[in-house]
């Protein structure tokens, strides 16, 4: 994300703040330090922005199902669901990678906390 700001133009920090917050959230979830120009971080940010920008359109398609028959709207819906599936698959891959390296009792990030909770639930169900 190496961009330069044009001289004389007002500076809009929205993009930088958005990417910084995304980096913090992704680091908390996956325990990996992300740089602002990281490919994975850009994928999450672009995907979430894309889905967020189409929310009202999806609500309209949900309320008026006949809109799905119009290619423009059907493609919007399909693309949003594909994007959501891609984000879900990426998160699953991160989780599966954590399963391989997880040490019981050590919680470094949200994935580790999920694994610990899962192990605790399995242990509790086995005793009950």
Protein backbone atom coordinates (compact mmCIF):
# COMPACT_ATOMS: atom_id res chain seq x y z
CA UNK A 1 0.00 0.00 0.00
CA UNK A 2 2.76 2.41 -0.93
CA UNK A 3 0.89 5.49 -2.04
CA UNK A 4 1.87 9.10 -1.86
CA UNK A 5 -0.42 11.90 -0.88
CA UNK A 6 -0.69 14.73 -3.44
CA UNK A 7 0.70 18.03 -2.22
CA UNK A 8 -1.90 20.67 -1.48
CA UNK A 9 -4.80 18.23 -1.22
CA UNK A 10 -6.53 17.63 2.12
CA UNK A 11 -5.44 14.41 3.82
CA UNK A 12 -8.16 11.81 4.45
CA UNK A 13 -6.98 9.31 7.09
CA UNK A 14 -10.01 7.00 6.61
CA UNK A 15 -8.16 4.46 4.45
CA UNK A 16 -5.17 4.29 6.81
CA UNK A 17 -7.36 4.04 9.92
CA UNK A 18 -9.47 1.33 8.30
CA UNK A 19 -6.40 -0.71 7.36
CA UNK A 20 -4.87 -0.22 10.81
CA UNK A 21 -8.02 -1.47 12.54
CA UNK A 22 -8.20 -4.42 10.12
CA UNK A 23 -4.57 -5.26 10.92
CA UNK A 24 -5.30 -5.19 14.66
CA UNK A 25 -8.40 -7.37 14.31
CA UNK A 26 -6.66 -9.88 12.04
CA UNK A 27 -3.66 -10.02 14.39
CA UNK A 28 -5.95 -10.64 17.35
CA UNK A 29 -7.83 -13.37 15.51
CA UNK A 30 -4.93 -15.20 13.91
CA UNK A 31 -1.90 -14.30 16.03
CA UNK A 32 0.06 -13.07 13.03
CA UNK A 33 1.52 -9.60 12.67
CA UNK A 34 0.24 -7.96 9.49
CA UNK A 35 1.83 -5.08 7.62
CA UNK A 36 -0.44 -2.57 5.92
CA UNK A 37 0.57 -3.89 2.48
CA UNK A 38 0.04 -7.57 3.39
CA UNK A 39 -1.79 -9.62 0.75
CA UNK A 40 -3.99 -11.50 3.26
CA UNK A 41 -4.94 -8.32 5.08
CA UNK A 42 -5.87 -6.68 1.77
CA UNK A 43 -8.04 -9.70 0.92
CA UNK A 44 -9.96 -9.45 4.21
CA UNK A 45 -10.33 -5.68 3.93
CA UNK A 46 -11.48 -5.69 0.31
CA UNK A 47 -13.86 -8.59 0.92
CA UNK A 48 -15.48 -6.95 3.93
CA UNK A 49 -15.76 -3.61 2.15
CA UNK A 50 -17.34 -5.32 -0.87
CA UNK A 51 -19.90 -7.19 1.24
CA UNK A 52 -20.64 -4.12 3.34
CA UNK A 53 -21.27 -1.97 0.26
CA UNK A 54 -23.82 -4.50 -1.05
CA UNK A 55 -25.81 -4.97 2.18
CA UNK A 56 -28.76 -2.76 1.24
CA UNK A 57 -28.95 -4.33 -2.21
CA UNK A 58 -29.02 -7.81 -0.65
CA UNK A 59 -31.85 -6.69 1.63
CA UNK A 60 -33.82 -5.56 -1.42
CA UNK A 61 -33.18 -8.87 -3.19
CA UNK A 62 -34.26 -10.73 -0.05
CA UNK A 63 -37.51 -8.73 0.15
CA UNK A 64 -38.25 -9.01 -3.58
CA UNK A 65 -37.13 -12.49 -4.70
CA UNK A 66 -38.08 -11.80 -8.33
CA UNK A 67 -35.04 -9.51 -8.53
CA UNK A 68 -32.90 -12.65 -8.57
CA UNK A 69 -34.19 -13.31 -12.08
CA UNK A 70 -32.65 -10.06 -13.33
CA UNK A 71 -29.01 -10.91 -14.16
CA UNK A 72 -27.60 -7.73 -12.62
CA UNK A 73 -29.12 -8.47 -9.20
CA UNK A 74 -28.59 -12.22 -9.37
CA UNK A 75 -24.90 -11.63 -10.09
CA UNK A 76 -24.62 -9.22 -7.15
CA UNK A 77 -26.08 -11.81 -4.81
CA UNK A 78 -23.90 -14.60 -6.21
CA UNK A 79 -20.73 -12.48 -5.94
CA UNK A 80 -21.46 -11.50 -2.32
CA UNK A 81 -22.02 -15.13 -1.34
CA UNK A 82 -18.86 -16.21 -3.18
CA UNK A 83 -16.89 -13.53 -1.35
CA UNK A 84 -18.34 -14.62 2.00
CA UNK A 85 -17.45 -18.23 1.20
CA UNK A 86 -13.88 -17.22 0.28
CA UNK A 87 -13.47 -15.34 3.58
CA UNK A 88 -14.90 -18.30 5.49
CA UNK A 89 -12.54 -20.71 3.74
CA UNK A 90 -9.57 -18.48 4.50
CA UNK A 91 -10.54 -18.31 8.18
CA UNK A 92 -10.95 -22.11 8.25
CA UNK A 93 -7.45 -22.51 6.80
CA UNK A 94 -6.04 -20.24 9.50
CA UNK A 95 -7.88 -22.25 12.17
CA UNK A 96 -6.65 -25.58 10.77
CA UNK A 97 -3.08 -24.27 10.75
CA UNK A 98 -3.51 -23.33 14.42
CA UNK A 99 -4.74 -26.84 15.23
CA UNK A 100 -1.40 -28.25 14.05
CA UNK A 101 0.71 -25.91 16.19
CA UNK A 102 -1.55 -25.47 19.24
CA UNK A 103 -0.20 -26.26 22.70
CA UNK A 104 -2.86 -27.09 25.26
CA UNK A 105 -3.17 -24.37 27.89
CA UNK A 106 -1.44 -21.70 25.78
CA UNK A 107 -3.73 -18.99 24.39
CA UNK A 108 -2.03 -16.43 22.16
CA UNK A 109 -4.93 -15.36 19.97
CA UNK A 110 -8.61 -15.90 19.23
CA UNK A 111 -8.00 -19.15 17.29
CA UNK A 112 -6.18 -20.59 20.31
CA UNK A 113 -9.09 -19.53 22.53
CA UNK A 114 -11.54 -21.33 20.20
CA UNK A 115 -9.42 -24.48 20.29
CA UNK A 116 -9.21 -24.34 24.09
CA UNK A 117 -12.99 -23.89 24.37
CA UNK A 118 -13.54 -26.80 22.00
CA UNK A 119 -11.20 -29.05 24.01
CA UNK A 120 -12.91 -28.02 27.25
CA UNK A 121 -16.37 -28.75 25.79
CA UNK A 122 -15.24 -32.17 24.57
CA UNK A 123 -13.73 -32.95 27.96
CA UNK A 124 -16.89 -31.79 29.77
CA UNK A 125 -19.15 -33.85 27.48
CA UNK A 126 -16.98 -36.92 28.03
CA UNK A 127 -17.27 -36.59 31.83
CA UNK A 128 -21.00 -35.82 31.90
